[in-house]
Amino acid sequence: MMEFLTEVFDKTIEILGSATLVGGLVALFAQEKIKGFTNKNVEKFKAELKSAHDVEMKALDRKLKVEDEMQEYKLSFLHSLNDLQSRIYHLVKSDMAGKYYKNGDEQSKDYVVNNTVFLIGQYFAWLEKIRTEVQFIQLADSNDTNTLSKLLDQTVTVWQENLEGKATFAVWAGNQRAIGEVMLEKTDSGRHCIGYGKFLTEFSNKKNPIVANLDIQVLALLDDVGASLDRLKSIHSVLIDTIILIDKDQKIERKFLEKLV
């Protein structure tokens, strides 16, 4: 084999006339091969780097999307909590039922009934959305998230438990979820709670049995707020605790979050 290579080398010198030139050509050939090999490695490295970057960016996009959704859930849920706690507070402390339902005109009566039903339904709608789509709202502190989960469970209980042997103004767990379901509508960006206008259009005729049953409960409540006072206080307390827990930026002024005593 060596004799063959030597013969080829000698013939190449004979043709080209210089051992130095042949050596140079061999070195150039080797350099080009190394260069080609190096370029392939560089391109491969670039491709791998780009792939890793794409994966990282997709993960970041997903994380930001989840955070945006969480923020949306948190703000919408916060407003539903505050709307309902405010209504309960004024029913108990400001005699809202006496002023606008018992002694008001027909328009005032209709508003108090329909809007109270809507505020309760809106609250259950956001609870249902949280349960089915995000399970729970992630807060900055994991302990707060656990506390929130417990408060949401407590919410189910205070709406349905018998208080002193009475079940006035009670909404059972299954009905809570059913109300939430009918109050949610599908949109291009997911399910959202319907607005008050659409609620009046679709449910004021009392044909939906789920909402009609809640309407009956609200009418009974407005006839005698005192009979449901213990439940209202329990519900209101949980609402206030939930607001304070998730509203770290104090978007809702604390002076409007007075608990019923």
C-alpha atoms as a PDB file:
ATOM      1  CA  MET A   1       0.000   0.000   0.000  1.00  0.00           C
ATOM      2  CA  MET A   2       2.797   2.387   0.915  1.00  0.00           C
ATOM      3  CA  GLU A   3       4.567   1.539  -2.333  1.00  0.00           C
ATOM      4  CA  PHE A   4       1.383   2.464  -4.240  1.00  0.00           C
ATOM      5  CA  LEU A   5       1.038   5.812  -2.465  1.00  0.00           C
ATOM      6  CA  THR A   6       4.708   6.575  -3.015  1.00  0.00           C
ATOM      7  CA  GLU A   7       4.322   5.799  -6.700  1.00  0.00           C
ATOM      8  CA  VAL A   8       1.249   8.094  -6.942  1.00  0.00           C
ATOM      9  CA  PHE A   9       3.115  10.853  -5.129  1.00  0.00           C
ATOM     10  CA  ASP A  10       6.140  10.465  -7.435  1.00  0.00           C
ATOM     11  CA  LYS A  11       3.933  10.515 -10.520  1.00  0.00           C
ATOM     12  CA  THR A  12       2.171  13.644  -9.228  1.00  0.00           C
ATOM     13  CA  ILE A  13       5.556  15.356  -8.733  1.00  0.00           C
ATOM     14  CA  GLU A  14       6.598  14.255 -12.162  1.00  0.00           C
ATOM     15  CA  ILE A  15       3.456  15.827 -13.625  1.00  0.00           C
ATOM     16  CA  LEU A  16       3.406  19.014 -11.506  1.00  0.00           C
ATOM     17  CA  GLY A  17       7.134  19.294 -11.158  1.00  0.00           C
ATOM     18  CA  SER A  18       7.367  20.232  -7.471  1.00  0.00           C
ATOM     19  CA  ALA A  19       7.074  18.368  -4.178  1.00  0.00           C
ATOM     20  CA  THR A  20       6.392  21.706  -2.439  1.00  0.00           C
ATOM     21  CA  LEU A  21       3.511  22.431  -4.775  1.00  0.00           C
ATOM     22  CA  VAL A  22       2.020  18.995  -4.149  1.00  0.00           C
ATOM     23  CA  GLY A  23       2.361  19.453  -0.412  1.00  0.00           C
ATOM     24  CA  GLY A  24       0.665  22.819  -0.718  1.00  0.00           C
ATOM     25  CA  LEU A  25      -2.187  21.333  -2.675  1.00  0.00           C
ATOM     26  CA  VAL A  26      -2.600  18.582  -0.112  1.00  0.00           C
ATOM     27  CA  ALA A  27      -2.630  21.157   2.707  1.00  0.00           C
ATOM     28  CA  LEU A  28      -5.137  23.307   0.807  1.00  0.00           C
ATOM     29  CA  PHE A  29      -7.349  20.286   0.239  1.00  0.00           C
ATOM     30  CA  ALA A  30      -7.203  19.440   3.949  1.00  0.00           C
ATOM     31  CA  GLN A  31      -7.941  23.043   4.906  1.00  0.00           C
ATOM     32  CA  GLU A  32     -11.003  23.137   2.652  1.00  0.00           C
ATOM     33  CA  LYS A  33     -12.266  19.868   4.110  1.00  0.00           C
ATOM     34  CA  ILE A  34     -11.814  21.215   7.657  1.00  0.00           C
ATOM     35  CA  LYS A  35     -13.464  24.482   6.663  1.00  0.00           C
ATOM     36  CA  GLY A  36     -16.417  22.626   5.175  1.00  0.00           C
ATOM     37  CA  PHE A  37     -16.703  20.490   8.283  1.00  0.00           C
ATOM     38  CA  THR A  38     -16.523  23.573  10.511  1.00  0.00           C
ATOM     39  CA  ASN A  39     -19.182  25.427   8.480  1.00  0.00           C
ATOM     40  CA  LYS A  40     -21.511  22.465   8.757  1.00  0.00           C
ATOM     41  CA  ASN A  41     -21.028  22.413  12.522  1.00  0.00           C
ATOM     42  CA  VAL A  42     -21.639  26.150  12.752  1.00  0.00           C
ATOM     43  CA  GLU A  43     -24.830  25.887  10.710  1.00  0.00           C
ATOM     44  CA  LYS A  44     -25.977  22.945  12.784  1.00  0.00           C
ATOM     45  CA  PHE A  45     -25.254  24.890  15.971  1.00  0.00           C
ATOM     46  CA  LYS A  46     -27.169  27.885  14.633  1.00  0.00           C
ATOM     47  CA  ALA A  47     -30.149  25.691  13.769  1.00  0.00           C
ATOM     48  CA  GLU A  48     -30.108  24.086  17.213  1.00  0.00           C
ATOM     49  CA  LEU A  49     -29.807  27.486  18.881  1.00  0.00           C
ATOM     50  CA  LYS A  50     -32.730  28.861  16.868  1.00  0.00           C
ATOM     51  CA  SER A  51     -34.832  25.816  17.703  1.00  0.00           C
ATOM     52  CA  ALA A  52     -34.098  26.208  21.423  1.00  0.00           C
ATOM     53  CA  HIS A  53     -34.895  29.922  21.205  1.00  0.00           C
ATOM     54  CA  ASP A  54     -38.200  29.214  19.437  1.00  0.00           C
ATOM     55  CA  VAL A  55     -39.177  26.717  22.126  1.00  0.00           C
ATOM     56  CA  GLU A  56     -38.258  29.208  24.844  1.00  0.00           C
ATOM     57  CA  MET A  57     -40.251  32.005  23.169  1.00  0.00           C
ATOM     58  CA  LYS A  58     -43.299  29.772  22.774  1.00  0.00           C
ATOM     59  CA  ALA A  59     -43.087  28.857  26.459  1.00  0.00           C
ATOM     60  CA  LEU A  60     -42.799  32.548  27.341  1.00  0.00           C
ATOM     61  CA  ASP A  61     -45.796  33.396  25.149  1.00  0.00           C
ATOM     62  CA  ARG A  62     -47.846  30.701  26.859  1.00  0.00           C
ATOM     63  CA  LYS A  63     -46.774  31.983  30.291  1.00  0.00           C
ATOM     64  CA  LEU A  64     -47.712  35.577  29.406  1.00  0.00           C
ATOM     65  CA  LYS A  65     -51.044  34.443  27.982  1.00  0.00           C
ATOM     66  CA  VAL A  66     -51.840  32.531  31.171  1.00  0.00           C
ATOM     67  CA  GLU A  67     -50.855  35.556  33.274  1.00  0.00           C
ATOM     68  CA  ASP A  68     -53.093  37.808  31.155  1.00  0.00           C
ATOM     69  CA  GLU A  69     -55.982  35.372  31.550  1.00  0.00           C
ATOM     70  CA  MET A  70     -55.370  35.154  35.285  1.00  0.00           C
ATOM     71  CA  GLN A  71     -55.418  38.943  35.533  1.00  0.00           C
ATOM     72  CA  GLU A  72     -58.657  39.087  33.548  1.00  0.00           C
ATOM     73  CA  TYR A  73     -60.263  36.440  35.762  1.00  0.00           C
ATOM     74  CA  LYS A  74     -59.039  38.169  38.890  1.00  0.00           C
ATOM     75  CA  LEU A  75     -60.381  41.625  37.947  1.00  0.00           C
ATOM     76  CA  SER A  76     -63.733  40.347  36.662  1.00  0.00           C
ATOM     77  CA  PHE A  77     -64.166  38.092  39.674  1.00  0.00           C
ATOM     78  CA  LEU A  78     -63.180  40.955  41.971  1.00  0.00           C
ATOM     79  CA  HIS A  79     -65.842  43.231  40.480  1.00  0.00           C
ATOM     80  CA  SER A  80     -68.510  40.524  40.775  1.00  0.00           C
ATOM     81  CA  LEU A  81     -67.549  40.019  44.435  1.00  0.00           C
ATOM     82  CA  ASN A  82     -67.743  43.725  45.160  1.00  0.00           C
ATOM     83  CA  ASP A  83     -71.038  44.225  43.316  1.00  0.00           C
ATOM     84  CA  LEU A  84     -72.679  41.460  45.329  1.00  0.00           C
ATOM     85  CA  GLN A  85     -71.249  42.421  48.721  1.00  0.00           C
ATOM     86  CA  SER A  86     -72.389  46.000  48.137  1.00  0.00           C
ATOM     87  CA  ARG A  87     -75.939  44.850  47.319  1.00  0.00           C
ATOM     88  CA  ILE A  88     -76.113  42.647  50.423  1.00  0.00           C
ATOM     89  CA  TYR A  89     -74.743  45.469  52.592  1.00  0.00           C
ATOM     90  CA  HIS A  90     -77.381  47.938  51.370  1.00  0.00           C
ATOM     91  CA  LEU A  91     -80.190  45.392  51.749  1.00  0.00           C
ATOM     92  CA  VAL A  92     -79.255  44.976  55.416  1.00  0.00           C
ATOM     93  CA  LYS A  93     -77.969  48.418  56.406  1.00  0.00           C
ATOM     94  CA  SER A  94     -79.826  50.845  54.112  1.00  0.00           C
ATOM     95  CA  ASP A  95     -83.242  49.169  54.010  1.00  0.00           C
ATOM     96  CA  MET A  96     -82.986  48.919  50.236  1.00  0.00           C
ATOM     97  CA  ALA A  97     -85.867  46.416  50.112  1.00  0.00           C
ATOM     98  CA  GLY A  98     -88.149  48.723  52.088  1.00  0.00           C
ATOM     99  CA  LYS A  99     -87.340  51.843  50.072  1.00  0.00           C
ATOM    100  CA  TYR A 100     -87.324  50.485  46.540  1.00  0.00           C
ATOM    101  CA  TYR A 101     -89.233  47.169  46.641  1.00  0.00           C
ATOM    102  CA  LYS A 102     -91.972  47.503  49.218  1.00  0.00           C
ATOM    103  CA  ASN A 103     -92.517  51.259  48.871  1.00  0.00           C
ATOM    104  CA  GLY A 104     -91.136  51.927  45.396  1.00  0.00           C
ATOM    105  CA  ASP A 105     -92.932  52.211  42.052  1.00  0.00           C
ATOM    106  CA  GLU A 106     -93.125  49.290  39.615  1.00  0.00           C
ATOM    107  CA  GLN A 107     -89.924  50.290  37.849  1.00  0.00           C
ATOM    108  CA  SER A 108     -88.002  50.396  41.133  1.00  0.00           C
ATOM    109  CA  LYS A 109     -89.428  47.045  42.209  1.00  0.00           C
ATOM    110  CA  ASP A 110     -88.480  45.397  38.925  1.00  0.00           C
ATOM    111  CA  TYR A 111     -84.983  46.830  39.087  1.00  0.00           C
ATOM    112  CA  VAL A 112     -84.285  45.674  42.645  1.00  0.00           C
ATOM    113  CA  VAL A 113     -85.512  42.157  41.887  1.00  0.00           C
ATOM    114  CA  ASN A 114     -83.904  41.722  38.456  1.00  0.00           C
ATOM    115  CA  ASN A 115     -80.608  43.374  39.333  1.00  0.00           C
ATOM    116  CA  THR A 116     -80.235  41.396  42.568  1.00  0.00           C
ATOM    117  CA  VAL A 117     -80.848  38.153  40.671  1.00  0.00           C
ATOM    118  CA  PHE A 118     -78.314  39.281  38.064  1.00  0.00           C
ATOM    119  CA  LEU A 119     -75.615  40.129  40.629  1.00  0.00           C
ATOM    120  CA  ILE A 120     -75.979  36.716  42.245  1.00  0.00           C
ATOM    121  CA  GLY A 121     -75.919  35.023  38.837  1.00  0.00           C
ATOM    122  CA  GLN A 122     -72.879  37.042  37.757  1.00  0.00           C
ATOM    123  CA  TYR A 123     -71.022  35.911  40.859  1.00  0.00           C
ATOM    124  CA  PHE A 124     -71.884  32.245  40.265  1.00  0.00           C
ATOM    125  CA  ALA A 125     -70.884  32.629  36.601  1.00  0.00           C
ATOM    126  CA  TRP A 126     -67.354  33.695  37.475  1.00  0.00           C
ATOM    127  CA  LEU A 127     -67.103  30.954  40.082  1.00  0.00           C
ATOM    128  CA  GLU A 128     -68.076  28.410  37.434  1.00  0.00           C
ATOM    129  CA  LYS A 129     -65.615  29.843  34.917  1.00  0.00           C
ATOM    130  CA  ILE A 130     -62.801  29.657  37.464  1.00  0.00           C
ATOM    131  CA  ARG A 131     -63.708  26.090  38.438  1.00  0.00           C
ATOM    132  CA  THR A 132     -63.890  24.768  34.864  1.00  0.00           C
ATOM    133  CA  GLU A 133     -61.161  26.743  33.107  1.00  0.00           C
ATOM    134  CA  VAL A 134     -58.423  27.660  35.558  1.00  0.00           C
ATOM    135  CA  GLN A 135     -59.426  25.665  38.662  1.00  0.00           C
ATOM    136  CA  PHE A 136     -58.231  28.479  40.871  1.00  0.00           C
ATOM    137  CA  ILE A 137     -56.661  31.907  40.534  1.00  0.00           C
ATOM    138  CA  GLN A 138     -52.907  31.873  41.071  1.00  0.00           C
ATOM    139  CA  LEU A 139     -51.856  34.547  43.549  1.00  0.00           C
ATOM    140  CA  ALA A 140     -48.296  35.716  44.136  1.00  0.00           C
ATOM    141  CA  ASP A 141     -48.131  33.893  47.469  1.00  0.00           C
ATOM    142  CA  SER A 142     -48.881  30.158  47.374  1.00  0.00           C
ATOM    143  CA  ASN A 143     -50.383  30.395  50.876  1.00  0.00           C
ATOM    144  CA  ASP A 144     -52.825  33.020  49.600  1.00  0.00           C
ATOM    145  CA  THR A 145     -53.766  30.738  46.710  1.00  0.00           C
ATOM    146  CA  ASN A 146     -54.531  27.929  49.163  1.00  0.00           C
ATOM    147  CA  THR A 147     -56.558  30.312  51.324  1.00  0.00           C
ATOM    148  CA  LEU A 148     -58.524  31.452  48.272  1.00  0.00           C
ATOM    149  CA  SER A 149     -59.308  27.869  47.334  1.00  0.00           C
ATOM    150  CA  LYS A 150     -60.680  27.290  50.844  1.00  0.00           C
ATOM    151  CA  LEU A 151     -62.744  30.497  50.700  1.00  0.00           C
ATOM    152  CA  LEU A 152     -64.297  29.404  47.401  1.00  0.00           C
ATOM    153  CA  ASP A 153     -65.217  26.075  48.974  1.00  0.00           C
ATOM    154  CA  GLN A 154     -66.641  27.930  51.972  1.00  0.00           C
ATOM    155  CA  THR A 155     -68.735  30.038  49.608  1.00  0.00           C
ATOM    156  CA  VAL A 156     -70.548  26.942  48.367  1.00  0.00           C
ATOM    157  CA  THR A 157     -71.336  25.970  51.960  1.00  0.00           C
ATOM    158  CA  VAL A 158     -72.666  29.308  53.226  1.00  0.00           C
ATOM    159  CA  TRP A 159     -75.123  29.573  50.342  1.00  0.00           C
ATOM    160  CA  GLN A 160     -76.708  26.189  51.003  1.00  0.00           C
ATOM    161  CA  GLU A 161     -76.339  25.317  54.699  1.00  0.00           C
ATOM    162  CA  ASN A 162     -79.344  25.261  57.021  1.00  0.00           C
ATOM    163  CA  LEU A 163     -78.984  28.008  59.588  1.00  0.00           C
ATOM    164  CA  GLU A 164     -80.786  27.376  62.864  1.00  0.00           C
ATOM    165  CA  GLY A 165     -82.935  24.797  61.105  1.00  0.00           C
ATOM    166  CA  LYS A 166     -83.983  27.258  58.380  1.00  0.00           C
ATOM    167  CA  ALA A 167     -83.049  27.207  54.713  1.00  0.00           C
ATOM    168  CA  THR A 168     -84.254  30.687  53.778  1.00  0.00           C
ATOM    169  CA  PHE A 169     -82.538  32.260  50.771  1.00  0.00           C
ATOM    170  CA  ALA A 170     -80.645  29.017  50.137  1.00  0.00           C
ATOM    171  CA  VAL A 171     -79.032  28.071  46.830  1.00  0.00           C
ATOM    172  CA  TRP A 172     -77.845  24.470  46.713  1.00  0.00           C
ATOM    173  CA  ALA A 173     -74.428  23.594  45.308  1.00  0.00           C
ATOM    174  CA  GLY A 174     -75.800  22.037  42.100  1.00  0.00           C
ATOM    175  CA  ASN A 175     -78.030  25.055  41.471  1.00  0.00           C
ATOM    176  CA  GLN A 176     -75.098  27.399  42.083  1.00  0.00           C
ATOM    177  CA  ARG A 177     -73.224  25.732  39.228  1.00  0.00           C
ATOM    178  CA  ALA A 178     -76.325  25.566  37.025  1.00  0.00           C
ATOM    179  CA  ILE A 179     -76.929  29.302  37.453  1.00  0.00           C
ATOM    180  CA  GLY A 180     -73.296  29.965  36.621  1.00  0.00           C
ATOM    181  CA  GLU A 181     -73.542  27.849  33.461  1.00  0.00           C
ATOM    182  CA  VAL A 182     -76.594  29.644  32.035  1.00  0.00           C
ATOM    183  CA  MET A 183     -75.053  33.041  32.808  1.00  0.00           C
ATOM    184  CA  LEU A 184     -71.964  32.252  30.717  1.00  0.00           C
ATOM    185  CA  GLU A 185     -71.882  32.672  26.946  1.00  0.00           C
ATOM    186  CA  LYS A 186     -69.323  31.567  24.382  1.00  0.00           C
ATOM    187  CA  THR A 187     -67.350  34.262  22.558  1.00  0.00           C
ATOM    188  CA  ASP A 188     -64.298  34.248  20.290  1.00  0.00           C
ATOM    189  CA  SER A 189     -62.092  34.772  23.344  1.00  0.00           C
ATOM    190  CA  GLY A 190     -63.783  32.121  25.501  1.00  0.00           C
ATOM    191  CA  ARG A 191     -66.727  32.047  27.886  1.00  0.00           C
ATOM    192  CA  HIS A 192     -67.776  35.263  29.596  1.00  0.00           C
ATOM    193  CA  CYS A 193     -70.634  36.330  31.818  1.00  0.00           C
ATOM    194  CA  ILE A 194     -73.479  38.004  29.953  1.00  0.00           C
ATOM    195  CA  GLY A 195     -74.173  41.658  30.634  1.00  0.00           C
ATOM    196  CA  TYR A 196     -77.186  43.020  32.471  1.00  0.00           C
ATOM    197  CA  GLY A 197     -78.932  44.057  29.257  1.00  0.00           C
ATOM    198  CA  LYS A 198     -78.718  40.582  27.760  1.00  0.00           C
ATOM    199  CA  PHE A 199     -79.790  39.107  31.077  1.00  0.00           C
ATOM    200  CA  LEU A 200     -82.988  41.182  31.010  1.00  0.00           C
ATOM    201  CA  THR A 201     -83.657  40.153  27.409  1.00  0.00           C
ATOM    202  CA  GLU A 202     -83.127  36.434  27.965  1.00  0.00           C
ATOM    203  CA  PHE A 203     -84.243  35.781  31.548  1.00  0.00           C
ATOM    204  CA  SER A 204     -86.718  38.441  32.687  1.00  0.00           C
ATOM    205  CA  ASN A 205     -89.584  36.386  31.229  1.00  0.00           C
ATOM    206  CA  LYS A 206     -88.973  33.788  33.999  1.00  0.00           C
ATOM    207  CA  LYS A 207     -89.102  30.918  31.471  1.00  0.00           C
ATOM    208  CA  ASN A 208     -85.714  29.509  32.472  1.00  0.00           C
ATOM    209  CA  PRO A 209     -86.461  27.301  35.511  1.00  0.00           C
ATOM    210  CA  ILE A 210     -82.978  27.731  36.991  1.00  0.00           C
ATOM    211  CA  VAL A 211     -83.136  31.520  36.994  1.00  0.00           C
ATOM    212  CA  ALA A 212     -86.859  31.511  37.850  1.00  0.00           C
ATOM    213  CA  ASN A 213     -86.117  29.579  41.042  1.00  0.00           C
ATOM    214  CA  LEU A 214     -83.471  32.125  42.028  1.00  0.00           C
ATOM    215  CA  ASP A 215     -85.995  34.862  41.271  1.00  0.00           C
ATOM    216  CA  ILE A 216     -88.432  33.276  43.747  1.00  0.00           C
ATOM    217  CA  GLN A 217     -85.678  33.183  46.380  1.00  0.00           C
ATOM    218  CA  VAL A 218     -84.902  36.874  45.849  1.00  0.00           C
ATOM    219  CA  LEU A 219     -88.568  37.853  46.067  1.00  0.00           C
ATOM    220  CA  ALA A 220     -88.832  36.023  49.387  1.00  0.00           C
ATOM    221  CA  LEU A 221     -85.659  37.728  50.576  1.00  0.00           C
ATOM    222  CA  LEU A 222     -86.967  41.193  49.698  1.00  0.00           C
ATOM    223  CA  ASP A 223     -90.249  40.480  51.473  1.00  0.00           C
ATOM    224  CA  ASP A 224     -88.408  39.695  54.708  1.00  0.00           C
ATOM    225  CA  VAL A 225     -84.688  40.492  54.802  1.00  0.00           C
ATOM    226  CA  GLY A 226     -84.590  39.786  58.528  1.00  0.00           C
ATOM    227  CA  ALA A 227     -85.521  36.134  58.026  1.00  0.00           C
ATOM    228  CA  SER A 228     -82.346  35.613  56.002  1.00  0.00           C
ATOM    229  CA  LEU A 229     -80.122  37.912  58.033  1.00  0.00           C
ATOM    230  CA  ASP A 230     -77.811  35.186  59.349  1.00  0.00           C
ATOM    231  CA  ARG A 231     -77.187  33.795  55.869  1.00  0.00           C
ATOM    232  CA  LEU A 232     -76.642  37.268  54.411  1.00  0.00           C
ATOM    233  CA  LYS A 233     -74.058  38.019  57.095  1.00  0.00           C
ATOM    234  CA  SER A 234     -72.241  34.713  56.413  1.00  0.00           C
ATOM    235  CA  ILE A 235     -72.218  35.260  52.655  1.00  0.00           C
ATOM    236  CA  HIS A 236     -71.132  38.877  53.037  1.00  0.00           C
ATOM    237  CA  SER A 237     -68.280  37.926  55.377  1.00  0.00           C
ATOM    238  CA  VAL A 238     -66.861  35.407  52.898  1.00  0.00           C
ATOM    239  CA  LEU A 239     -67.184  37.919  50.045  1.00  0.00           C
ATOM    240  CA  ILE A 240     -65.263  40.559  52.009  1.00  0.00           C
ATOM    241  CA  ASP A 241     -62.525  38.097  53.013  1.00  0.00           C
ATOM    242  CA  THR A 242     -62.132  37.020  49.378  1.00  0.00           C
ATOM    243  CA  ILE A 243     -61.916  40.598  48.110  1.00  0.00           C
ATOM    244  CA  ILE A 244     -59.253  41.569  50.651  1.00  0.00           C
ATOM    245  CA  LEU A 245     -57.246  38.448  49.804  1.00  0.00           C
ATOM    246  CA  ILE A 246     -57.090  38.966  46.029  1.00  0.00           C
ATOM    247  CA  ASP A 247     -57.177  42.780  45.929  1.00  0.00           C
ATOM    248  CA  LYS A 248     -53.596  43.416  47.024  1.00  0.00           C
ATOM    249  CA  ASP A 249     -53.471  46.629  44.968  1.00  0.00           C
ATOM    250  CA  GLN A 250     -56.559  47.886  46.813  1.00  0.00           C
ATOM    251  CA  LYS A 251     -58.487  48.734  43.669  1.00  0.00           C
ATOM    252  CA  ILE A 252     -61.512  48.704  45.949  1.00  0.00           C
ATOM    253  CA  GLU A 253     -61.250  51.184  48.786  1.00  0.00           C
ATOM    254  CA  ARG A 254     -61.250  49.478  52.150  1.00  0.00           C
ATOM    255  CA  LYS A 255     -63.752  51.932  53.596  1.00  0.00           C
ATOM    256  CA  PHE A 256     -66.395  50.284  51.380  1.00  0.00           C
ATOM    257  CA  LEU A 257     -65.635  46.823  52.758  1.00  0.00           C
ATOM    258  CA  GLU A 258     -67.289  46.998  56.140  1.00  0.00           C
ATOM    259  CA  LYS A 259     -68.512  43.642  57.420  1.00  0.00           C
ATOM    260  CA  LEU A 260     -72.066  43.233  58.692  1.00  0.00           C
ATOM    261  CA  VAL A 261     -72.349  42.754  62.458  1.00  0.00           C
END
